[in-house]
């Protein structure tokens, strides 16, 4: 008795299995080749740690980046997501390199309270992440005076201190 072999293209299960293995292998190779290394020995210094920030004012938000030897990190790509945990805010900013490891971005805060900046700096395959907590004073800023990247709106649930601040504005008490 002689067994006959079917051509490969007539065996769909085998063909699909080989295709899946090929796709999965390609994905794993690409993933491992593009792996970023977390830089844990860099240092971020917040230049405005002793400053008071006001709502409605354009602020130059500045940070310094240094490596483990205290040398300035130049030519990094630095981004940050500014968030106020009590409200729905997500202001995304790209920093510009100034000099000597100094990076800055301009931002206008529209709501007072405690804010957090989640900073990410990339240089080559090195990625550094850190967070900065700071306080913003003032009152809620009208939409026309907000940062263009600020998508805050009054239809969202607001913390009680923001509700009180809004109730003191005559236009909201009508």
N, C-alpha and C. Protein backbone atom coordinates (compact mmCIF):
# COMPACT_ATOMS: atom_id res chain seq x y z
N UNK A 1 0.83 -1.15 0.00
CA UNK A 1 0.00 0.00 0.00
C UNK A 1 0.89 1.24 0.00
N UNK A 2 0.56 2.15 -0.82
CA UNK A 2 1.37 3.34 -1.02
C UNK A 2 0.57 4.57 -0.57
N UNK A 3 1.22 5.40 0.29
CA UNK A 3 0.56 6.61 0.76
C UNK A 3 0.87 7.75 -0.19
N UNK A 4 -0.17 8.46 -0.52
CA UNK A 4 0.04 9.60 -1.41
C UNK A 4 0.16 10.87 -0.58
N UNK A 5 1.06 11.73 -1.01
CA UNK A 5 1.26 13.02 -0.34
C UNK A 5 0.48 14.09 -1.08
N UNK A 6 -0.16 14.92 -0.27
CA UNK A 6 -0.85 16.05 -0.88
C UNK A 6 0.13 17.21 -0.99
N UNK A 7 0.03 18.00 -2.04
CA UNK A 7 0.89 19.18 -2.13
C UNK A 7 0.60 20.13 -0.97
N UNK A 8 1.59 20.93 -0.60
CA UNK A 8 1.49 21.83 0.55
C UNK A 8 0.31 22.79 0.43
N UNK A 9 0.08 23.31 -0.75
CA UNK A 9 -1.01 24.27 -0.91
C UNK A 9 -2.39 23.63 -0.75
N UNK A 10 -2.47 22.30 -0.76
CA UNK A 10 -3.76 21.63 -0.57
C UNK A 10 -4.00 21.29 0.90
N UNK A 11 -3.05 21.59 1.75
CA UNK A 11 -3.20 21.33 3.18
C UNK A 11 -3.29 22.68 3.90
N UNK A 12 -4.49 23.24 4.00
CA UNK A 12 -4.65 24.59 4.55
C UNK A 12 -4.22 24.71 6.02
N UNK A 13 -4.42 23.69 6.81
CA UNK A 13 -4.05 23.78 8.22
C UNK A 13 -2.53 23.89 8.36
N UNK A 14 -1.81 23.10 7.61
CA UNK A 14 -0.35 23.16 7.66
C UNK A 14 0.15 24.51 7.14
N UNK A 15 -0.45 24.99 6.08
CA UNK A 15 -0.05 26.27 5.50
C UNK A 15 -0.33 27.42 6.48
N UNK A 16 -1.49 27.42 7.12
CA UNK A 16 -1.82 28.45 8.11
C UNK A 16 -0.89 28.38 9.32
N UNK A 17 -0.56 27.19 9.75
CA UNK A 17 0.36 27.03 10.88
C UNK A 17 1.72 27.62 10.56
N UNK A 18 2.25 27.33 9.39
CA UNK A 18 3.54 27.87 8.98
C UNK A 18 3.49 29.39 8.88
N UNK A 19 2.41 29.92 8.36
CA UNK A 19 2.25 31.36 8.24
C UNK A 19 2.21 32.03 9.63
N UNK A 20 1.49 31.43 10.56
CA UNK A 20 1.42 31.96 11.93
C UNK A 20 2.79 31.95 12.60
N UNK A 21 3.53 30.88 12.43
CA UNK A 21 4.88 30.79 13.00
C UNK A 21 5.78 31.86 12.41
N UNK A 22 5.68 32.09 11.12
CA UNK A 22 6.49 33.10 10.45
C UNK A 22 6.15 34.51 10.96
N UNK A 23 4.87 34.82 11.08
CA UNK A 23 4.44 36.14 11.56
C UNK A 23 4.86 36.35 13.01
N UNK A 24 4.65 35.36 13.86
CA UNK A 24 5.02 35.47 15.27
C UNK A 24 6.54 35.63 15.43
N UNK A 25 7.30 34.88 14.69
CA UNK A 25 8.77 34.99 14.74
C UNK A 25 9.22 36.38 14.31
N UNK A 26 8.63 36.91 13.26
CA UNK A 26 8.98 38.26 12.79
C UNK A 26 8.66 39.30 13.85
N UNK A 27 7.52 39.19 14.48
CA UNK A 27 7.12 40.13 15.53
C UNK A 27 8.10 40.09 16.70
N UNK A 28 8.47 38.89 17.15
CA UNK A 28 9.39 38.76 18.28
C UNK A 28 10.77 39.32 17.95
N UNK A 29 11.25 39.09 16.75
CA UNK A 29 12.55 39.62 16.34
C UNK A 29 12.53 41.14 16.33
N UNK A 30 11.49 41.72 15.76
CA UNK A 30 11.38 43.19 15.70
C UNK A 30 11.26 43.77 17.11
N UNK A 31 10.51 43.13 17.98
CA UNK A 31 10.33 43.60 19.35
C UNK A 31 11.66 43.61 20.10
N UNK A 32 12.43 42.55 19.98
CA UNK A 32 13.70 42.49 20.70
C UNK A 32 14.74 43.44 20.11
N UNK A 33 14.69 43.70 18.83
CA UNK A 33 15.65 44.61 18.22
C UNK A 33 15.36 46.07 18.58
N UNK A 34 14.10 46.41 18.82
CA UNK A 34 13.71 47.79 19.13
C UNK A 34 13.56 48.05 20.63
N UNK A 35 14.12 47.22 21.43
CA UNK A 35 13.96 47.33 22.87
C UNK A 35 14.67 48.58 23.40
N UNK A 36 13.96 49.35 24.22
CA UNK A 36 14.53 50.53 24.86
C UNK A 36 15.05 50.13 26.24
N UNK A 37 16.13 50.74 26.65
CA UNK A 37 16.71 50.48 27.96
C UNK A 37 16.31 51.59 28.91
N UNK A 38 15.80 51.20 30.06
CA UNK A 38 15.39 52.18 31.06
C UNK A 38 16.64 52.75 31.73
N UNK A 39 16.81 54.05 31.64
CA UNK A 39 17.94 54.73 32.28
C UNK A 39 17.55 55.04 33.72
N UNK A 40 18.15 54.34 34.66
CA UNK A 40 17.81 54.55 36.07
C UNK A 40 18.84 55.40 36.79
N UNK A 41 19.92 55.75 36.09
CA UNK A 41 20.98 56.51 36.75
C UNK A 41 21.07 57.95 36.26
N UNK A 42 20.03 58.44 35.60
CA UNK A 42 19.96 59.84 35.22
C UNK A 42 19.32 60.62 36.36
N UNK A 43 19.51 61.92 36.35
CA UNK A 43 18.92 62.78 37.38
C UNK A 43 18.14 63.91 36.72
N UNK A 44 16.94 64.15 37.22
CA UNK A 44 16.11 65.26 36.75
C UNK A 44 16.01 66.27 37.88
N UNK A 45 16.31 67.53 37.57
CA UNK A 45 16.14 68.61 38.54
C UNK A 45 15.09 69.57 37.99
N UNK A 46 14.12 69.89 38.83
CA UNK A 46 13.04 70.79 38.44
C UNK A 46 13.47 72.22 38.77
N UNK A 47 13.66 73.02 37.74
CA UNK A 47 14.16 74.39 37.92
C UNK A 47 13.16 75.28 38.66
N UNK A 48 11.89 74.95 38.65
CA UNK A 48 10.87 75.80 39.27
C UNK A 48 10.37 75.29 40.60
N UNK A 49 11.16 74.49 41.30
CA UNK A 49 10.70 73.89 42.54
C UNK A 49 10.33 74.94 43.60
N UNK A 50 11.00 76.08 43.59
CA UNK A 50 10.73 77.12 44.59
C UNK A 50 9.80 78.21 44.08
N UNK A 51 9.26 78.05 42.89
CA UNK A 51 8.41 79.08 42.30
C UNK A 51 6.94 78.80 42.57
N UNK A 52 6.14 79.88 42.51
CA UNK A 52 4.69 79.76 42.63
C UNK A 52 4.11 79.98 41.24
N UNK A 53 3.26 79.08 40.82
CA UNK A 53 2.65 79.18 39.50
C UNK A 53 1.23 79.68 39.63
N UNK A 54 0.81 80.52 38.69
CA UNK A 54 -0.53 81.09 38.67
C UNK A 54 -1.28 80.58 37.44
N UNK A 55 -2.56 80.38 37.61
CA UNK A 55 -3.39 80.00 36.47
C UNK A 55 -3.45 81.17 35.49
N UNK A 56 -3.60 80.84 34.22
CA UNK A 56 -3.78 81.86 33.19
C UNK A 56 -2.52 82.55 32.71
N UNK A 57 -1.37 82.22 33.28
CA UNK A 57 -0.11 82.84 32.86
C UNK A 57 0.74 81.84 32.10
N UNK A 58 1.36 82.30 31.01
CA UNK A 58 2.29 81.44 30.26
C UNK A 58 3.55 81.25 31.10
N UNK A 59 3.89 80.01 31.33
CA UNK A 59 5.02 79.66 32.19
C UNK A 59 6.06 78.91 31.38
N UNK A 60 7.33 79.26 31.57
CA UNK A 60 8.42 78.47 31.01
C UNK A 60 8.76 77.39 32.03
N UNK A 61 8.31 76.18 31.77
CA UNK A 61 8.52 75.05 32.67
C UNK A 61 9.87 74.43 32.31
N UNK A 62 10.85 74.48 33.24
CA UNK A 62 12.22 74.09 32.93
C UNK A 62 12.70 72.94 33.80
N UNK A 63 13.47 72.04 33.17
CA UNK A 63 14.10 70.93 33.89
C UNK A 63 15.55 70.79 33.43
N UNK A 64 16.39 70.21 34.30
CA UNK A 64 17.77 69.88 33.96
C UNK A 64 17.90 68.37 33.96
N UNK A 65 18.63 67.83 32.99
CA UNK A 65 18.91 66.40 32.93
C UNK A 65 20.41 66.16 33.02
N UNK A 66 20.81 65.23 33.91
CA UNK A 66 22.21 64.86 34.06
C UNK A 66 22.35 63.35 34.10
N UNK A 67 23.52 62.86 33.66
CA UNK A 67 23.77 61.42 33.73
C UNK A 67 24.38 61.07 35.08
N UNK A 68 24.80 59.82 35.26
CA UNK A 68 25.30 59.37 36.56
C UNK A 68 26.60 60.04 36.97
N UNK A 69 27.31 60.65 36.03
CA UNK A 69 28.56 61.34 36.34
C UNK A 69 28.34 62.84 36.58
N UNK A 70 27.10 63.31 36.51
CA UNK A 70 26.80 64.71 36.70
C UNK A 70 26.97 65.55 35.44
N UNK A 71 27.18 64.88 34.31
CA UNK A 71 27.32 65.59 33.03
C UNK A 71 25.95 65.86 32.44
N UNK A 72 25.80 67.00 31.80
CA UNK A 72 24.53 67.37 31.17
C UNK A 72 24.17 66.39 30.07
N UNK A 73 22.90 66.06 29.99
CA UNK A 73 22.41 65.20 28.91
C UNK A 73 21.90 66.13 27.81
N UNK A 74 22.58 66.10 26.70
CA UNK A 74 22.25 66.95 25.56
C UNK A 74 21.51 66.13 24.50
N UNK A 75 20.78 66.81 23.67
CA UNK A 75 20.11 66.22 22.50
C UNK A 75 19.17 65.07 22.84
N UNK A 76 18.52 65.15 23.97
CA UNK A 76 17.49 64.17 24.31
C UNK A 76 16.15 64.68 23.79
N UNK A 77 15.25 63.76 23.53
CA UNK A 77 13.87 64.12 23.20
C UNK A 77 13.08 64.05 24.50
N UNK A 78 12.58 65.19 24.94
CA UNK A 78 11.91 65.27 26.24
C UNK A 78 10.45 65.65 26.03
N UNK A 79 9.57 64.86 26.61
CA UNK A 79 8.13 65.13 26.57
C UNK A 79 7.57 65.03 27.99
N UNK A 80 6.40 65.60 28.18
CA UNK A 80 5.74 65.49 29.49
C UNK A 80 4.23 65.52 29.30
N UNK A 81 3.57 64.81 30.17
CA UNK A 81 2.12 64.88 30.27
C UNK A 81 1.83 65.55 31.60
N UNK A 82 1.18 66.71 31.54
CA UNK A 82 0.80 67.46 32.73
C UNK A 82 -0.62 67.06 33.09
N UNK A 83 -0.82 66.68 34.34
CA UNK A 83 -2.13 66.18 34.76
C UNK A 83 -2.47 66.75 36.13
N UNK A 84 -3.73 67.06 36.30
CA UNK A 84 -4.25 67.44 37.62
C UNK A 84 -5.12 66.27 38.05
N UNK A 85 -4.66 65.48 39.04
CA UNK A 85 -5.34 64.23 39.37
C UNK A 85 -6.83 64.36 39.70
N UNK A 86 -7.28 65.50 40.24
CA UNK A 86 -8.69 65.63 40.63
C UNK A 86 -9.62 65.97 39.48
N UNK A 87 -9.09 66.35 38.33
CA UNK A 87 -9.93 66.66 37.18
C UNK A 87 -9.37 65.95 35.95
N UNK A 88 -10.13 65.98 34.88
CA UNK A 88 -9.69 65.32 33.65
C UNK A 88 -8.84 66.31 32.86
N UNK A 89 -7.56 66.19 33.03
CA UNK A 89 -6.60 67.02 32.30
C UNK A 89 -5.54 66.10 31.73
N UNK A 90 -5.08 66.41 30.58
CA UNK A 90 -3.94 65.72 30.00
C UNK A 90 -3.33 66.66 28.98
N UNK A 91 -2.47 67.53 29.45
CA UNK A 91 -1.80 68.48 28.57
C UNK A 91 -0.46 67.87 28.19
N UNK A 92 -0.31 67.53 26.92
CA UNK A 92 0.93 66.92 26.45
C UNK A 92 1.82 67.99 25.84
N UNK A 93 3.09 68.00 26.24
CA UNK A 93 4.04 69.00 25.77
C UNK A 93 5.35 68.36 25.36
N UNK A 94 6.00 68.98 24.37
CA UNK A 94 7.35 68.60 23.94
C UNK A 94 8.28 69.71 24.41
N UNK A 95 9.38 69.33 25.03
CA UNK A 95 10.34 70.30 25.53
C UNK A 95 11.35 70.66 24.44
N UNK A 96 11.83 71.89 24.49
CA UNK A 96 12.90 72.35 23.61
C UNK A 96 14.20 72.34 24.40
N UNK A 97 15.30 71.99 23.73
CA UNK A 97 16.61 72.00 24.38
C UNK A 97 17.12 73.43 24.39
N UNK A 98 17.56 73.89 25.55
CA UNK A 98 18.11 75.24 25.66
C UNK A 98 19.63 75.13 25.58
N UNK A 99 20.28 74.65 26.64
CA UNK A 99 21.72 74.40 26.65
C UNK A 99 22.10 73.77 27.98
N UNK A 100 23.24 73.11 28.02
CA UNK A 100 23.76 72.56 29.26
C UNK A 100 22.81 71.64 29.99
N UNK A 101 22.04 70.83 29.27
CA UNK A 101 21.10 69.91 29.90
C UNK A 101 19.80 70.55 30.33
N UNK A 102 19.59 71.81 29.97
CA UNK A 102 18.35 72.52 30.31
C UNK A 102 17.34 72.35 29.17
N UNK A 103 16.13 71.95 29.54
CA UNK A 103 15.03 71.79 28.59
C UNK A 103 13.85 72.58 29.13
N UNK A 104 13.04 73.14 28.21
CA UNK A 104 11.89 73.91 28.66
C UNK A 104 10.72 73.78 27.68
N UNK A 105 9.54 74.03 28.23
CA UNK A 105 8.33 74.10 27.43
C UNK A 105 7.45 75.19 28.02
N UNK A 106 6.60 75.77 27.20
CA UNK A 106 5.68 76.79 27.69
C UNK A 106 4.32 76.16 27.91
N UNK A 107 3.72 76.50 29.04
CA UNK A 107 2.42 75.93 29.38
C UNK A 107 1.59 76.97 30.14
N UNK A 108 0.27 76.89 29.98
CA UNK A 108 -0.67 77.74 30.72
C UNK A 108 -1.60 76.80 31.48
N UNK A 109 -1.62 76.92 32.80
CA UNK A 109 -2.50 76.10 33.63
C UNK A 109 -3.84 76.80 33.79
N UNK A 110 -4.93 76.05 33.67
CA UNK A 110 -6.26 76.65 33.71
C UNK A 110 -7.00 76.43 35.02
N UNK A 111 -6.51 75.53 35.84
CA UNK A 111 -7.20 75.19 37.08
C UNK A 111 -6.17 75.14 38.21
N UNK A 112 -6.49 75.71 39.38
CA UNK A 112 -5.56 75.64 40.50
C UNK A 112 -5.55 74.26 41.14
N UNK A 113 -4.53 74.01 41.92
CA UNK A 113 -4.45 72.75 42.66
C UNK A 113 -3.10 72.07 42.47
N UNK A 114 -3.04 70.83 42.91
CA UNK A 114 -1.81 70.04 42.78
C UNK A 114 -1.77 69.41 41.40
N UNK A 115 -0.67 69.59 40.73
CA UNK A 115 -0.46 69.05 39.39
C UNK A 115 0.71 68.08 39.42
N UNK A 116 0.76 67.21 38.42
CA UNK A 116 1.87 66.28 38.26
C UNK A 116 2.33 66.34 36.81
N UNK A 117 3.64 66.39 36.63
CA UNK A 117 4.22 66.32 35.29
C UNK A 117 4.92 64.97 35.18
N UNK A 118 4.48 64.14 34.25
CA UNK A 118 5.10 62.84 34.00
C UNK A 118 6.06 63.02 32.83
N UNK A 119 7.36 63.10 33.15
CA UNK A 119 8.39 63.45 32.18
C UNK A 119 9.04 62.19 31.62
N UNK A 120 9.26 62.20 30.30
CA UNK A 120 9.97 61.11 29.64
C UNK A 120 11.06 61.71 28.76
N UNK A 121 12.30 61.25 28.96
CA UNK A 121 13.43 61.72 28.16
C UNK A 121 14.05 60.52 27.45
N UNK A 122 14.29 60.68 26.15
CA UNK A 122 14.88 59.61 25.34
C UNK A 122 16.15 60.12 24.68
N UNK A 123 17.18 59.30 24.74
CA UNK A 123 18.42 59.59 24.02
C UNK A 123 18.95 58.25 23.53
N UNK A 124 18.92 58.07 22.21
CA UNK A 124 19.29 56.77 21.65
C UNK A 124 18.31 55.72 22.12
N UNK A 125 18.83 54.62 22.67
CA UNK A 125 17.94 53.57 23.18
C UNK A 125 17.70 53.71 24.69
N UNK A 126 18.17 54.81 25.28
CA UNK A 126 17.98 55.06 26.71
C UNK A 126 16.71 55.87 26.94
N UNK A 127 15.90 55.43 27.89
CA UNK A 127 14.66 56.13 28.24
C UNK A 127 14.66 56.37 29.75
N UNK A 128 14.38 57.61 30.13
CA UNK A 128 14.32 57.99 31.54
C UNK A 128 12.93 58.54 31.82
N UNK A 129 12.33 58.10 32.93
CA UNK A 129 10.99 58.57 33.30
C UNK A 129 11.02 59.05 34.75
N UNK A 130 10.33 60.15 34.99
CA UNK A 130 10.25 60.69 36.34
C UNK A 130 8.99 61.54 36.46
N UNK A 131 8.62 61.87 37.69
CA UNK A 131 7.42 62.68 37.93
C UNK A 131 7.78 63.88 38.80
N UNK A 132 7.06 64.98 38.56
CA UNK A 132 7.26 66.20 39.33
C UNK A 132 5.89 66.64 39.86
N UNK A 133 5.79 66.85 41.16
CA UNK A 133 4.57 67.39 41.77
C UNK A 133 4.77 68.87 42.06
N UNK A 134 3.77 69.68 41.78
CA UNK A 134 3.86 71.12 42.03
C UNK A 134 2.45 71.67 42.20
N UNK A 135 2.38 72.89 42.72
CA UNK A 135 1.09 73.52 43.01
C UNK A 135 0.88 74.74 42.14
N UNK A 136 -0.35 74.90 41.68
CA UNK A 136 -0.75 76.07 40.89
C UNK A 136 -1.83 76.80 41.68
N UNK A 137 -1.67 78.12 41.83
CA UNK A 137 -2.64 78.95 42.53
C UNK A 137 -3.44 79.77 41.53
N UNK A 138 -4.55 80.32 41.99
CA UNK A 138 -5.37 81.18 41.14
C UNK A 138 -6.78 80.64 41.03
N UNK A 139 -7.50 81.15 40.05
CA UNK A 139 -8.89 80.72 39.82
C UNK A 139 -8.97 80.00 38.48
N UNK A 140 -10.12 79.42 38.21
CA UNK A 140 -10.34 78.73 36.94
C UNK A 140 -10.26 79.74 35.81
N UNK A 141 -9.56 79.39 34.74
CA UNK A 141 -9.32 80.29 33.62
C UNK A 141 -10.32 80.00 32.51
N UNK A 142 -10.81 81.06 31.87
CA UNK A 142 -11.77 80.88 30.77
C UNK A 142 -11.12 80.16 29.60
N UNK A 143 -11.95 79.56 28.78
CA UNK A 143 -11.47 78.73 27.67
C UNK A 143 -10.55 79.48 26.72
N UNK A 144 -10.83 80.74 26.46
CA UNK A 144 -10.01 81.53 25.53
C UNK A 144 -8.61 81.82 26.03
N UNK A 145 -8.39 81.67 27.35
CA UNK A 145 -7.08 81.96 27.93
C UNK A 145 -6.32 80.70 28.34
N UNK A 146 -6.79 79.55 27.93
CA UNK A 146 -6.15 78.29 28.31
C UNK A 146 -5.07 77.91 27.31
N UNK A 147 -4.27 76.96 27.73
CA UNK A 147 -3.26 76.38 26.85
C UNK A 147 -3.98 75.68 25.70
N UNK A 148 -3.48 75.81 24.47
CA UNK A 148 -4.15 75.15 23.33
C UNK A 148 -4.26 73.63 23.48
N UNK A 149 -3.37 73.02 24.26
CA UNK A 149 -3.40 71.56 24.45
C UNK A 149 -4.25 71.14 25.65
N UNK A 150 -4.86 72.09 26.35
CA UNK A 150 -5.67 71.80 27.53
C UNK A 150 -7.10 71.52 27.10
N UNK A 151 -7.56 70.31 27.36
CA UNK A 151 -8.90 69.91 26.92
C UNK A 151 -9.89 69.84 28.09
N UNK A 152 -9.65 70.64 29.11
CA UNK A 152 -10.53 70.73 30.27
C UNK A 152 -11.88 71.31 29.84
N UNK A 153 -12.96 70.77 30.37
CA UNK A 153 -14.29 71.33 30.09
C UNK A 153 -15.14 71.24 31.36
N UNK A 154 -16.11 72.13 31.47
CA UNK A 154 -16.91 72.24 32.68
C UNK A 154 -18.01 71.19 32.79
N UNK A 155 -18.20 70.37 31.76
CA UNK A 155 -19.23 69.33 31.83
C UNK A 155 -18.77 68.13 32.64
N UNK A 156 -17.48 68.03 32.91
CA UNK A 156 -16.96 66.89 33.67
C UNK A 156 -17.23 67.08 35.16
N UNK A 157 -17.23 66.00 35.94
CA UNK A 157 -17.39 66.15 37.39
C UNK A 157 -16.21 66.95 37.95
N UNK A 158 -16.52 67.93 38.79
CA UNK A 158 -15.47 68.80 39.33
C UNK A 158 -15.34 68.62 40.83
N UNK A 159 -14.11 68.75 41.35
CA UNK A 159 -13.92 68.70 42.80
C UNK A 159 -14.63 69.88 43.47
N UNK A 160 -14.97 69.73 44.74
CA UNK A 160 -15.76 70.75 45.44
C UNK A 160 -15.06 72.10 45.49
N UNK A 161 -13.72 72.14 45.62
CA UNK A 161 -13.05 73.45 45.68
C UNK A 161 -13.15 74.18 44.34
N UNK A 162 -13.19 73.46 43.23
CA UNK A 162 -13.36 74.09 41.91
C UNK A 162 -14.80 74.58 41.77
N UNK A 163 -15.77 73.80 42.24
CA UNK A 163 -17.17 74.22 42.22
C UNK A 163 -17.35 75.52 43.00
N UNK A 164 -16.71 75.62 44.18
CA UNK A 164 -16.80 76.85 44.99
C UNK A 164 -16.16 78.02 44.25
N UNK A 165 -15.03 77.76 43.62
CA UNK A 165 -14.33 78.81 42.87
C UNK A 165 -15.21 79.32 41.73
N UNK A 166 -15.89 78.41 41.04
CA UNK A 166 -16.77 78.81 39.94
C UNK A 166 -17.99 79.56 40.44
N UNK A 167 -18.50 79.19 41.61
CA UNK A 167 -19.70 79.87 42.12
C UNK A 167 -19.40 81.32 42.51
N UNK A 168 -18.14 81.65 42.72
CA UNK A 168 -17.75 83.04 43.04
C UNK A 168 -17.62 83.91 41.80
N UNK A 169 -17.72 83.32 40.62
CA UNK A 169 -17.64 84.08 39.38
C UNK A 169 -19.06 84.47 38.99
N UNK A 170 -19.35 85.77 38.84
CA UNK A 170 -20.73 86.23 38.57
C UNK A 170 -21.38 85.56 37.36
N UNK A 171 -20.65 85.30 36.30
CA UNK A 171 -21.23 84.73 35.09
C UNK A 171 -21.79 83.33 35.34
N UNK A 172 -21.28 82.60 36.33
CA UNK A 172 -21.75 81.25 36.61
C UNK A 172 -22.91 81.23 37.60
N UNK A 173 -23.21 82.35 38.25
CA UNK A 173 -24.26 82.40 39.25
C UNK A 173 -25.61 82.82 38.69
N UNK A 174 -25.75 82.92 37.39
CA UNK A 174 -27.01 83.37 36.79
C UNK A 174 -28.05 82.30 36.83
